[in-house]
Amino acid sequence: MLRGSITIIFNGRMIMKHLMQKTAQKTYSERIMKNVRQNLGLEEDDTSRDDYIMSLPPEDVFDRYCTWEGLLGYGYTLWHVVEELKNHK
């Protein structure tokens, strides 16, 4: 269980890093965009809602990413845990 938890947190941190860098980019990585598009009921290559995706707060995008990956109801919790770990000195 602990090993799986560490994997989830590590992967969460990697996704969060991509999400936090969005201000320097016009869009998230293709992996994130494909995932969130599908979460919205679109085909993974349907860019018609990309502006909407980019307007979402990063924690909402992360929650949608987690939900699509099967972590139902854990997106916001994981976001806050990773933030807390990241800010721990």
PDB file of N, CA and C in Angstrom:
ATOM      1  N   MET A   1       0.821  -1.202   0.000  1.00  0.00           N
ATOM      2  CA  MET A   1       0.000   0.000   0.000  1.00  0.00           C
ATOM      3  C   MET A   1       0.857   1.255   0.000  1.00  0.00           C
ATOM      4  N   LEU A   2       1.884   1.272   0.830  1.00  0.00           N
ATOM      5  CA  LEU A   2       2.724   2.456   0.896  1.00  0.00           C
ATOM      6  C   LEU A   2       3.402   2.719  -0.441  1.00  0.00           C
ATOM      7  N   ARG A   3       3.904   1.667  -1.083  1.00  0.00           N
ATOM      8  CA  ARG A   3       4.579   1.851  -2.371  1.00  0.00           C
ATOM      9  C   ARG A   3       3.621   2.463  -3.393  1.00  0.00           C
ATOM     10  N   GLY A   4       2.389   1.981  -3.442  1.00  0.00           N
ATOM     11  CA  GLY A   4       1.400   2.542  -4.352  1.00  0.00           C
ATOM     12  C   GLY A   4       1.089   3.990  -4.030  1.00  0.00           C
ATOM     13  N   SER A   5       1.036   4.305  -2.755  1.00  0.00           N
ATOM     14  CA  SER A   5       0.777   5.680  -2.337  1.00  0.00           C
ATOM     15  C   SER A   5       1.902   6.595  -2.790  1.00  0.00           C
ATOM     16  N   ILE A   6       3.140   6.123  -2.645  1.00  0.00           N
ATOM     17  CA  ILE A   6       4.277   6.923  -3.074  1.00  0.00           C
ATOM     18  C   ILE A   6       4.221   7.138  -4.579  1.00  0.00           C
ATOM     19  N   THR A   7       3.853   6.111  -5.323  1.00  0.00           N
ATOM     20  CA  THR A   7       3.738   6.237  -6.771  1.00  0.00           C
ATOM     21  C   THR A   7       2.685   7.266  -7.134  1.00  0.00           C
ATOM     22  N   ILE A   8       1.543   7.220  -6.479  1.00  0.00           N
ATOM     23  CA  ILE A   8       0.473   8.182  -6.749  1.00  0.00           C
ATOM     24  C   ILE A   8       0.958   9.595  -6.448  1.00  0.00           C
ATOM     25  N   ILE A   9       1.600   9.801  -5.315  1.00  0.00           N
ATOM     26  CA  ILE A   9       2.079  11.135  -4.963  1.00  0.00           C
ATOM     27  C   ILE A   9       3.148  11.583  -5.956  1.00  0.00           C
ATOM     28  N   PHE A  10       4.086  10.700  -6.306  1.00  0.00           N
ATOM     29  CA  PHE A  10       5.125  11.071  -7.263  1.00  0.00           C
ATOM     30  C   PHE A  10       4.496  11.463  -8.595  1.00  0.00           C
ATOM     31  N   ASN A  11       3.601  10.634  -9.105  1.00  0.00           N
ATOM     32  CA  ASN A  11       2.939  10.951 -10.369  1.00  0.00           C
ATOM     33  C   ASN A  11       2.117  12.229 -10.232  1.00  0.00           C
ATOM     34  N   GLY A  12       1.487  12.404  -9.094  1.00  0.00           N
ATOM     35  CA  GLY A  12       0.728  13.625  -8.854  1.00  0.00           C
ATOM     36  C   GLY A  12       1.614  14.846  -8.888  1.00  0.00           C
ATOM     37  N   ARG A  13       2.799  14.739  -8.301  1.00  0.00           N
ATOM     38  CA  ARG A  13       3.738  15.866  -8.313  1.00  0.00           C
ATOM     39  C   ARG A  13       4.182  16.175  -9.730  1.00  0.00           C
ATOM     40  N   MET A  14       4.400  15.151 -10.532  1.00  0.00           N
ATOM     41  CA  MET A  14       4.828  15.377 -11.911  1.00  0.00           C
ATOM     42  C   MET A  14       3.724  16.078 -12.699  1.00  0.00           C
ATOM     43  N   ILE A  15       2.497  15.619 -12.530  1.00  0.00           N
ATOM     44  CA  ILE A  15       1.380  16.255 -13.229  1.00  0.00           C
ATOM     45  C   ILE A  15       1.210  17.678 -12.717  1.00  0.00           C
ATOM     46  N   MET A  16       1.306  17.863 -11.393  1.00  0.00           N
ATOM     47  CA  MET A  16       1.164  19.211 -10.842  1.00  0.00           C
ATOM     48  C   MET A  16       2.247  20.129 -11.388  1.00  0.00           C
ATOM     49  N   LYS A  17       3.460  19.630 -11.554  1.00  0.00           N
ATOM     50  CA  LYS A  17       4.535  20.451 -12.102  1.00  0.00           C
ATOM     51  C   LYS A  17       4.150  20.943 -13.490  1.00  0.00           C
ATOM     52  N   HIS A  18       3.597  20.059 -14.319  1.00  0.00           N
ATOM     53  CA  HIS A  18       3.152  20.455 -15.653  1.00  0.00           C
ATOM     54  C   HIS A  18       2.027  21.484 -15.560  1.00  0.00           C
ATOM     55  N   LEU A  19       1.114  21.279 -14.614  1.00  0.00           N
ATOM     56  CA  LEU A  19      -0.008  22.199 -14.481  1.00  0.00           C
ATOM     57  C   LEU A  19       0.453  23.572 -14.022  1.00  0.00           C
ATOM     58  N   MET A  20       1.403  23.617 -13.102  1.00  0.00           N
ATOM     59  CA  MET A  20       1.875  24.890 -12.577  1.00  0.00           C
ATOM     60  C   MET A  20       2.677  25.668 -13.618  1.00  0.00           C
ATOM     61  N   GLN A  21       3.209  24.994 -14.615  1.00  0.00           N
ATOM     62  CA  GLN A  21       3.990  25.656 -15.652  1.00  0.00           C
ATOM     63  C   GLN A  21       3.124  26.183 -16.786  1.00  0.00           C
ATOM     64  N   LYS A  22       1.822  26.045 -16.695  1.00  0.00           N
ATOM     65  CA  LYS A  22       0.958  26.425 -17.805  1.00  0.00           C
ATOM     66  C   LYS A  22       1.040  27.896 -18.137  1.00  0.00           C
ATOM     67  N   THR A  23       1.352  28.751 -17.168  1.00  0.00           N
ATOM     68  CA  THR A  23       1.413  30.177 -17.451  1.00  0.00           C
ATOM     69  C   THR A  23       2.528  30.497 -18.444  1.00  0.00           C
ATOM     70  N   ALA A  24       3.553  29.653 -18.500  1.00  0.00           N
ATOM     71  CA  ALA A  24       4.643  29.870 -19.436  1.00  0.00           C
ATOM     72  C   ALA A  24       4.338  29.225 -20.793  1.00  0.00           C
ATOM     73  N   GLN A  25       3.269  28.480 -20.868  1.00  0.00           N
ATOM     74  CA  GLN A  25       2.899  27.788 -22.091  1.00  0.00           C
ATOM     75  C   GLN A  25       1.522  28.246 -22.538  1.00  0.00           C
ATOM     76  N   LYS A  26       1.195  27.925 -23.773  1.00  0.00           N
ATOM     77  CA  LYS A  26      -0.151  28.205 -24.252  1.00  0.00           C
ATOM     78  C   LYS A  26      -1.099  27.077 -23.897  1.00  0.00           C
ATOM     79  N   THR A  27      -0.562  25.900 -23.635  1.00  0.00           N
ATOM     80  CA  THR A  27      -1.389  24.745 -23.310  1.00  0.00           C
ATOM     81  C   THR A  27      -0.591  23.770 -22.448  1.00  0.00           C
ATOM     82  N   TYR A  28      -1.300  22.871 -21.819  1.00  0.00           N
ATOM     83  CA  TYR A  28      -0.654  21.810 -21.047  1.00  0.00           C
ATOM     84  C   TYR A  28      -0.006  20.815 -22.002  1.00  0.00           C
ATOM     85  N   SER A  29       0.728  19.866 -21.428  1.00  0.00           N
ATOM     86  CA  SER A  29       1.334  18.816 -22.255  1.00  0.00           C
ATOM     87  C   SER A  29       0.222  18.058 -22.991  1.00  0.00           C
ATOM     88  N   GLU A  30       0.603  17.418 -24.066  1.00  0.00           N
ATOM     89  CA  GLU A  30      -0.373  16.655 -24.860  1.00  0.00           C
ATOM     90  C   GLU A  30      -1.014  15.553 -24.020  1.00  0.00           C
ATOM     91  N   ARG A  31      -0.244  14.925 -23.139  1.00  0.00           N
ATOM     92  CA  ARG A  31      -0.784  13.860 -22.283  1.00  0.00           C
ATOM     93  C   ARG A  31      -1.920  14.397 -21.411  1.00  0.00           C
ATOM     94  N   ILE A  32      -1.717  15.545 -20.804  1.00  0.00           N
ATOM     95  CA  ILE A  32      -2.756  16.128 -19.957  1.00  0.00           C
ATOM     96  C   ILE A  32      -3.952  16.537 -20.793  1.00  0.00           C
ATOM     97  N   MET A  33      -3.706  17.187 -21.932  1.00  0.00           N
ATOM     98  CA  MET A  33      -4.812  17.650 -22.773  1.00  0.00           C
ATOM     99  C   MET A  33      -5.665  16.480 -23.271  1.00  0.00           C
ATOM    100  N   LYS A  34      -5.019  15.409 -23.722  1.00  0.00           N
ATOM    101  CA  LYS A  34      -5.775  14.242 -24.200  1.00  0.00           C
ATOM    102  C   LYS A  34      -6.650  13.670 -23.088  1.00  0.00           C
ATOM    103  N   ASN A  35      -6.085  13.559 -21.922  1.00  0.00           N
ATOM    104  CA  ASN A  35      -6.791  13.002 -20.772  1.00  0.00           C
ATOM    105  C   ASN A  35      -7.995  13.859 -20.406  1.00  0.00           C
ATOM    106  N   VAL A  36      -7.788  15.165 -20.271  1.00  0.00           N
ATOM    107  CA  VAL A  36      -8.874  16.057 -19.855  1.00  0.00           C
ATOM    108  C   VAL A  36      -9.935  16.166 -20.945  1.00  0.00           C
ATOM    109  N   ARG A  37      -9.524  16.168 -22.199  1.00  0.00           N
ATOM    110  CA  ARG A  37     -10.519  16.165 -23.289  1.00  0.00           C
ATOM    111  C   ARG A  37     -11.450  14.960 -23.150  1.00  0.00           C
ATOM    112  N   GLN A  38     -10.866  13.792 -22.921  1.00  0.00           N
ATOM    113  CA  GLN A  38     -11.681  12.593 -22.774  1.00  0.00           C
ATOM    114  C   GLN A  38     -12.565  12.679 -21.536  1.00  0.00           C
ATOM    115  N   ASN A  39     -12.054  13.265 -20.464  1.00  0.00           N
ATOM    116  CA  ASN A  39     -12.847  13.459 -19.260  1.00  0.00           C
ATOM    117  C   ASN A  39     -14.073  14.326 -19.552  1.00  0.00           C
ATOM    118  N   LEU A  40     -13.940  15.250 -20.491  1.00  0.00           N
ATOM    119  CA  LEU A  40     -15.051  16.134 -20.882  1.00  0.00           C
ATOM    120  C   LEU A  40     -15.970  15.490 -21.915  1.00  0.00           C
ATOM    121  N   GLY A  41     -15.697  14.232 -22.278  1.00  0.00           N
ATOM    122  CA  GLY A  41     -16.551  13.531 -23.236  1.00  0.00           C
ATOM    123  C   GLY A  41     -16.155  13.756 -24.683  1.00  0.00           C
ATOM    124  N   LEU A  42     -14.969  14.285 -24.910  1.00  0.00           N
ATOM    125  CA  LEU A  42     -14.476  14.538 -26.263  1.00  0.00           C
ATOM    126  C   LEU A  42     -13.532  13.428 -26.691  1.00  0.00           C
ATOM    127  N   GLU A  43     -13.251  13.375 -27.972  1.00  0.00           N
ATOM    128  CA  GLU A  43     -12.177  12.511 -28.463  1.00  0.00           C
ATOM    129  C   GLU A  43     -10.861  13.129 -28.020  1.00  0.00           C
ATOM    130  N   GLU A  44      -9.847  12.302 -27.828  1.00  0.00           N
ATOM    131  CA  GLU A  44      -8.579  12.812 -27.303  1.00  0.00           C
ATOM    132  C   GLU A  44      -7.919  13.852 -28.201  1.00  0.00           C
ATOM    133  N   ASP A  45      -8.251  13.862 -29.492  1.00  0.00           N
ATOM    134  CA  ASP A  45      -7.649  14.832 -30.411  1.00  0.00           C
ATOM    135  C   ASP A  45      -8.597  15.972 -30.794  1.00  0.00           C
ATOM    136  N   ASP A  46      -9.748  16.064 -30.125  1.00  0.00           N
ATOM    137  CA  ASP A  46     -10.728  17.123 -30.377  1.00  0.00           C
ATOM    138  C   ASP A  46     -10.321  18.374 -29.593  1.00  0.00           C
ATOM    139  N   THR A  47      -9.853  19.383 -30.277  1.00  0.00           N
ATOM    140  CA  THR A  47      -9.347  20.590 -29.614  1.00  0.00           C
ATOM    141  C   THR A  47     -10.416  21.671 -29.421  1.00  0.00           C
ATOM    142  N   SER A  48     -11.658  21.353 -29.679  1.00  0.00           N
ATOM    143  CA  SER A  48     -12.719  22.365 -29.645  1.00  0.00           C
ATOM    144  C   SER A  48     -12.935  22.996 -28.268  1.00  0.00           C
ATOM    145  N   ARG A  49     -12.545  22.327 -27.192  1.00  0.00           N
ATOM    146  CA  ARG A  49     -12.736  22.872 -25.839  1.00  0.00           C
ATOM    147  C   ARG A  49     -11.418  23.209 -25.147  1.00  0.00           C
ATOM    148  N   ASP A  50     -10.336  23.273 -25.915  1.00  0.00           N
ATOM    149  CA  ASP A  50      -9.029  23.549 -25.312  1.00  0.00           C
ATOM    150  C   ASP A  50      -8.989  24.896 -24.597  1.00  0.00           C
ATOM    151  N   ASP A  51      -9.645  25.900 -25.149  1.00  0.00           N
ATOM    152  CA  ASP A  51      -9.687  27.206 -24.465  1.00  0.00           C
ATOM    153  C   ASP A  51     -10.365  27.075 -23.106  1.00  0.00           C
ATOM    154  N   TYR A  52     -11.423  26.288 -23.050  1.00  0.00           N
ATOM    155  CA  TYR A  52     -12.109  26.058 -21.777  1.00  0.00           C
ATOM    156  C   TYR A  52     -11.181  25.353 -20.788  1.00  0.00           C
ATOM    157  N   ILE A  53     -10.492  24.307 -21.258  1.00  0.00           N
ATOM    158  CA  ILE A  53      -9.567  23.575 -20.389  1.00  0.00           C
ATOM    159  C   ILE A  53      -8.516  24.522 -19.831  1.00  0.00           C
ATOM    160  N   MET A  54      -7.976  25.381 -20.692  1.00  0.00           N
ATOM    161  CA  MET A  54      -6.928  26.298 -20.255  1.00  0.00           C
ATOM    162  C   MET A  54      -7.458  27.375 -19.312  1.00  0.00           C
ATOM    163  N   SER A  55      -8.762  27.606 -19.303  1.00  0.00           N
ATOM    164  CA  SER A  55      -9.334  28.611 -18.401  1.00  0.00           C
ATOM    165  C   SER A  55      -9.586  28.049 -16.998  1.00  0.00           C
ATOM    166  N   LEU A  56      -9.532  26.731 -16.853  1.00  0.00           N
ATOM    167  CA  LEU A  56      -9.780  26.101 -15.559  1.00  0.00           C
ATOM    168  C   LEU A  56      -8.602  26.316 -14.615  1.00  0.00           C
ATOM    169  N   PRO A  57      -8.869  26.450 -13.318  1.00  0.00           N
ATOM    170  CA  PRO A  57      -7.763  26.489 -12.359  1.00  0.00           C
ATOM    171  C   PRO A  57      -6.994  25.164 -12.427  1.00  0.00           C
ATOM    172  N   PRO A  58      -5.678  25.189 -12.209  1.00  0.00           N
ATOM    173  CA  PRO A  58      -4.880  23.963 -12.310  1.00  0.00           C
ATOM    174  C   PRO A  58      -5.389  22.821 -11.438  1.00  0.00           C
ATOM    175  N   GLU A  59      -5.914  23.129 -10.247  1.00  0.00           N
ATOM    176  CA  GLU A  59      -6.404  22.043  -9.389  1.00  0.00           C
ATOM    177  C   GLU A  59      -7.642  21.374  -9.973  1.00  0.00           C
ATOM    178  N   ASP A  60      -8.439  22.109 -10.750  1.00  0.00           N
ATOM    179  CA  ASP A  60      -9.586  21.497 -11.426  1.00  0.00           C
ATOM    180  C   ASP A  60      -9.121  20.575 -12.552  1.00  0.00           C
ATOM    181  N   VAL A  61      -8.107  21.010 -13.288  1.00  0.00           N
ATOM    182  CA  VAL A  61      -7.549  20.166 -14.349  1.00  0.00           C
ATOM    183  C   VAL A  61      -6.969  18.902 -13.726  1.00  0.00           C
ATOM    184  N   PHE A  62      -6.253  19.045 -12.623  1.00  0.00           N
ATOM    185  CA  PHE A  62      -5.668  17.892 -11.933  1.00  0.00           C
ATOM    186  C   PHE A  62      -6.760  16.931 -11.472  1.00  0.00           C
ATOM    187  N   ASP A  63      -7.859  17.473 -10.933  1.00  0.00           N
ATOM    188  CA  ASP A  63      -8.958  16.618 -10.499  1.00  0.00           C
ATOM    189  C   ASP A  63      -9.551  15.851 -11.675  1.00  0.00           C
ATOM    190  N   ARG A  64      -9.734  16.513 -12.801  1.00  0.00           N
ATOM    191  CA  ARG A  64     -10.253  15.834 -13.997  1.00  0.00           C
ATOM    192  C   ARG A  64      -9.277  14.762 -14.474  1.00  0.00           C
ATOM    193  N   TYR A  65      -7.985  15.078 -14.423  1.00  0.00           N
ATOM    194  CA  TYR A  65      -6.956  14.105 -14.807  1.00  0.00           C
ATOM    195  C   TYR A  65      -7.048  12.870 -13.913  1.00  0.00           C
ATOM    196  N   CYS A  66      -7.097  13.096 -12.606  1.00  0.00           N
ATOM    197  CA  CYS A  66      -7.179  11.979 -11.660  1.00  0.00           C
ATOM    198  C   CYS A  66      -8.445  11.157 -11.874  1.00  0.00           C
ATOM    199  N   THR A  67      -9.558  11.834 -12.081  1.00  0.00           N
ATOM    200  CA  THR A  67     -10.830  11.150 -12.297  1.00  0.00           C
ATOM    201  C   THR A  67     -10.747  10.250 -13.524  1.00  0.00           C
ATOM    202  N   TRP A  68     -10.194  10.772 -14.620  1.00  0.00           N
ATOM    203  CA  TRP A  68     -10.091   9.976 -15.842  1.00  0.00           C
ATOM    204  C   TRP A  68      -9.183   8.768 -15.629  1.00  0.00           C
ATOM    205  N   GLU A  69      -8.190   8.907 -14.761  1.00  0.00           N
ATOM    206  CA  GLU A  69      -7.262   7.809 -14.477  1.00  0.00           C
ATOM    207  C   GLU A  69      -7.811   6.833 -13.432  1.00  0.00           C
ATOM    208  N   GLY A  70      -9.038   7.070 -12.967  1.00  0.00           N
ATOM    209  CA  GLY A  70      -9.679   6.141 -12.048  1.00  0.00           C
ATOM    210  C   GLY A  70      -9.541   6.503 -10.578  1.00  0.00           C
ATOM    211  N   LEU A  71      -8.961   7.643 -10.278  1.00  0.00           N
ATOM    212  CA  LEU A  71      -8.827   8.099  -8.890  1.00  0.00           C
ATOM    213  C   LEU A  71     -10.025   8.985  -8.547  1.00  0.00           C
ATOM    214  N   LEU A  72     -11.191   8.393  -8.563  1.00  0.00           N
ATOM    215  CA  LEU A  72     -12.442   9.126  -8.368  1.00  0.00           C
ATOM    216  C   LEU A  72     -12.508   9.734  -6.972  1.00  0.00           C
ATOM    217  N   GLY A  73     -12.717  11.028  -6.928  1.00  0.00           N
ATOM    218  CA  GLY A  73     -12.878  11.724  -5.663  1.00  0.00           C
ATOM    219  C   GLY A  73     -11.585  12.038  -4.933  1.00  0.00           C
ATOM    220  N   TYR A  74     -10.428  11.786  -5.560  1.00  0.00           N
ATOM    221  CA  TYR A  74      -9.144  12.012  -4.886  1.00  0.00           C
ATOM    222  C   TYR A  74      -8.340  13.181  -5.453  1.00  0.00           C
ATOM    223  N   GLY A  75      -8.756  13.763  -6.543  1.00  0.00           N
ATOM    224  CA  GLY A  75      -7.967  14.807  -7.195  1.00  0.00           C
ATOM    225  C   GLY A  75      -7.626  15.975  -6.297  1.00  0.00           C
ATOM    226  N   TYR A  76      -8.632  16.553  -5.660  1.00  0.00           N
ATOM    227  CA  TYR A  76      -8.380  17.725  -4.820  1.00  0.00           C
ATOM    228  C   TYR A  76      -7.572  17.343  -3.575  1.00  0.00           C
ATOM    229  N   THR A  77      -7.870  16.177  -3.017  1.00  0.00           N
ATOM    230  CA  THR A  77      -7.122  15.716  -1.841  1.00  0.00           C
ATOM    231  C   THR A  77      -5.650  15.544  -2.193  1.00  0.00           C
ATOM    232  N   LEU A  78      -5.374  14.863  -3.304  1.00  0.00           N
ATOM    233  CA  LEU A  78      -3.990  14.655  -3.720  1.00  0.00           C
ATOM    234  C   LEU A  78      -3.302  15.981  -4.037  1.00  0.00           C
ATOM    235  N   TRP A  79      -4.031  16.892  -4.669  1.00  0.00           N
ATOM    236  CA  TRP A  79      -3.475  18.211  -4.984  1.00  0.00           C
ATOM    237  C   TRP A  79      -2.987  18.894  -3.699  1.00  0.00           C
ATOM    238  N   HIS A  80      -3.837  18.890  -2.682  1.00  0.00           N
ATOM    239  CA  HIS A  80      -3.488  19.570  -1.435  1.00  0.00           C
ATOM    240  C   HIS A  80      -2.378  18.846  -0.669  1.00  0.00           C
ATOM    241  N   VAL A  81      -2.377  17.520  -0.714  1.00  0.00           N
ATOM    242  CA  VAL A  81      -1.301  16.757  -0.062  1.00  0.00           C
ATOM    243  C   VAL A  81       0.035  17.070  -0.718  1.00  0.00           C
ATOM    244  N   VAL A  82       0.061  17.063  -2.042  1.00  0.00           N
ATOM    245  CA  VAL A  82       1.306  17.352  -2.759  1.00  0.00           C
ATOM    246  C   VAL A  82       1.752  18.785  -2.481  1.00  0.00           C
ATOM    247  N   GLU A  83       0.816  19.724  -2.459  1.00  0.00           N
ATOM    248  CA  GLU A  83       1.163  21.108  -2.123  1.00  0.00           C
ATOM    249  C   GLU A  83       1.780  21.203  -0.741  1.00  0.00           C
ATOM    250  N   GLU A  84       1.178  20.491   0.208  1.00  0.00           N
ATOM    251  CA  GLU A  84       1.701  20.501   1.571  1.00  0.00           C
ATOM    252  C   GLU A  84       3.107  19.896   1.622  1.00  0.00           C
ATOM    253  N   LEU A  85       3.304  18.769   0.939  1.00  0.00           N
ATOM    254  CA  LEU A  85       4.623  18.154   0.893  1.00  0.00           C
ATOM    255  C   LEU A  85       5.642  19.060   0.211  1.00  0.00           C
ATOM    256  N   LYS A  86       5.218  19.691  -0.857  1.00  0.00           N
ATOM    257  CA  LYS A  86       6.103  20.564  -1.612  1.00  0.00           C
ATOM    258  C   LYS A  86       6.541  21.760  -0.765  1.00  0.00           C
ATOM    259  N   ASN A  87       5.652  22.266   0.068  1.00  0.00           N
ATOM    260  CA  ASN A  87       5.937  23.445   0.875  1.00  0.00           C
ATOM    261  C   ASN A  87       6.580  23.124   2.213  1.00  0.00           C
ATOM    262  N   HIS A  88       6.730  21.843   2.529  1.00  0.00           N
ATOM    263  CA  HIS A  88       7.344  21.452   3.793  1.00  0.00           C
ATOM    264  C   HIS A  88       8.836  21.714   3.754  1.00  0.00           C
ATOM    265  N   LYS A  89       9.318  22.323   4.787  1.00  0.00           N
ATOM    266  CA  LYS A  89      10.758  22.637   4.844  1.00  0.00           C
ATOM    267  C   LYS A  89      11.409  21.872   5.953  1.00  0.00           C
TER     268      LYS A  89
END
